[in-house]
Every structure is written in structure tokens, then in C-alpha cells.
Amino acid sequence: MNKTMKQTLLNNWYPMRWVALVAGVSFAAMGAWHADLVSVILGGFFLFQAATNTGCLCRNCSVPAQVTDEAGRNIDDVEFTEIKEE
């Protein structure tokens, strides 16, 4: 198994990730029990998010505090020269 994938699966299990895991298992199990494809798909979606630590569960839905350009410079620190017309 890839080392980064192993770290993703085994580390940073905070409460919302556990909730997604329980919801995913519940939806998938009940969907399989009742032969409901929509519930199985929804359960798979939650299981995928919990296992890979992706989506809004991983606390990455917010806007970054600082915006940078391709070179890594802060965009707020742009130097410019004002040109006045006469």
C-alpha cells in the first residue's frame, strides 16, 4: 500500500470523519438490506469521504486566508506605479 494512502487512512480521525464513516456504513448496509440503489450509492459516497479524508469533512471548504500567485508571493504586496494623465 502506498505510504501516503496508508497515512491518510490511519491518521487524523476527528469526530466528523467518524460520523461520516458511521453514516456511510449505515446507508450502505440498509440500502443493501432493502435493495435500494440510491442508499447504497449515498453510503458509498460517505464511506469514500471518510476513508480518503476528502470533501467538506476534511475542513478544507473554507477560502484560504492569504491569496498567492504562481510564484508564492502574497497578492496584497503587489508593487505598482501610478501613471497620471495631464
Protein backbone atom coordinates (compact mmCIF):
# COMPACT_ATOMS: atom_id res chain seq x y z
CA MET A 1 0.00 0.00 0.00
CA ASN A 2 1.22 3.49 -0.80
CA LYS A 3 2.69 5.25 2.26
CA THR A 4 0.65 8.43 1.79
CA MET A 5 -2.56 6.42 1.32
CA LYS A 6 -1.77 4.48 4.49
CA GLN A 7 -1.22 7.74 6.39
CA THR A 8 -4.50 9.13 5.03
CA LEU A 9 -6.42 6.05 6.15
CA LEU A 10 -4.85 5.76 9.60
CA ASN A 11 -4.30 9.38 10.74
CA ASN A 12 -6.41 12.45 11.55
CA TRP A 13 -9.63 10.70 12.59
CA TYR A 14 -11.60 13.60 14.09
CA PRO A 15 -15.29 13.36 15.11
CA MET A 16 -16.86 14.43 11.80
CA ARG A 17 -14.88 11.80 9.96
CA TRP A 18 -16.20 9.14 12.36
CA VAL A 19 -19.75 10.41 11.80
CA ALA A 20 -19.28 10.08 8.04
CA LEU A 21 -17.94 6.55 8.48
CA VAL A 22 -20.93 5.51 10.61
CA ALA A 23 -23.37 7.19 8.20
CA GLY A 24 -21.72 5.52 5.22
CA VAL A 25 -21.82 2.07 6.77
CA SER A 26 -25.42 2.61 7.88
CA PHE A 27 -26.65 3.83 4.49
CA ALA A 28 -24.79 1.11 2.62
CA ALA A 29 -26.00 -1.66 4.92
CA MET A 30 -29.63 -0.53 4.92
CA GLY A 31 -29.52 0.03 1.17
CA ALA A 32 -28.18 -3.48 0.63
CA TRP A 33 -30.73 -4.91 3.07
CA HIS A 34 -33.67 -3.20 1.33
CA ALA A 35 -32.23 -3.43 -2.21
CA ASP A 36 -32.24 0.36 -2.56
CA LEU A 37 -29.56 1.52 -5.01
CA VAL A 38 -29.78 5.21 -4.00
CA SER A 39 -28.99 4.39 -0.36
CA VAL A 40 -26.07 2.18 -1.38
CA ILE A 41 -24.64 4.97 -3.56
CA LEU A 42 -25.09 7.54 -0.78
CA GLY A 43 -23.43 5.17 1.68
CA GLY A 44 -20.55 4.63 -0.72
CA PHE A 45 -20.16 8.38 -1.09
CA PHE A 46 -19.90 8.87 2.68
CA LEU A 47 -17.55 5.91 3.01
CA PHE A 48 -15.31 7.32 0.28
CA GLN A 49 -15.17 10.71 2.01
CA ALA A 50 -14.40 9.16 5.38
CA ALA A 51 -11.72 6.81 4.04
CA THR A 52 -9.91 9.35 1.88
CA ASN A 53 -10.45 12.39 4.15
CA THR A 54 -11.84 14.46 1.27
CA GLY A 55 -14.77 16.78 0.73
CA CYS A 56 -16.09 19.22 3.29
CA LEU A 57 -15.44 16.70 6.04
CA CYS A 58 -11.72 17.44 5.99
CA ARG A 59 -12.09 21.10 6.97
CA ASN A 60 -10.92 22.33 3.55
CA CYS A 61 -14.11 24.04 2.39
CA SER A 62 -13.06 27.47 3.58
CA VAL A 63 -11.42 30.17 1.49
CA PRO A 64 -7.65 30.40 2.05
CA ALA A 65 -6.59 33.19 4.39
CA GLN A 66 -3.95 34.56 2.00
CA VAL A 67 -4.12 34.55 -1.77
CA THR A 68 -0.82 33.96 -3.55
CA ASP A 69 0.23 33.98 -7.18
CA GLU A 70 2.09 31.21 -9.02
CA ALA A 71 5.44 32.27 -7.53
CA GLY A 72 4.08 32.04 -3.98
CA ARG A 73 4.04 35.80 -3.40
CA ASN A 74 1.23 37.42 -1.45
CA ILE A 75 -1.06 39.25 -3.88
CA ASP A 76 -1.66 42.05 -1.35
CA ASP A 77 2.03 43.02 -1.64
CA VAL A 78 1.92 43.93 -5.34
CA GLU A 79 4.10 46.87 -6.29
CA PHE A 80 2.71 49.33 -8.80
CA THR A 81 3.47 52.73 -10.28
CA GLU A 82 0.69 55.26 -10.61
CA ILE A 83 0.57 56.99 -14.00
CA LYS A 84 -1.22 60.34 -14.15
CA GLU A 85 -2.51 61.82 -17.37
CA GLU A 86 -2.19 65.55 -17.88
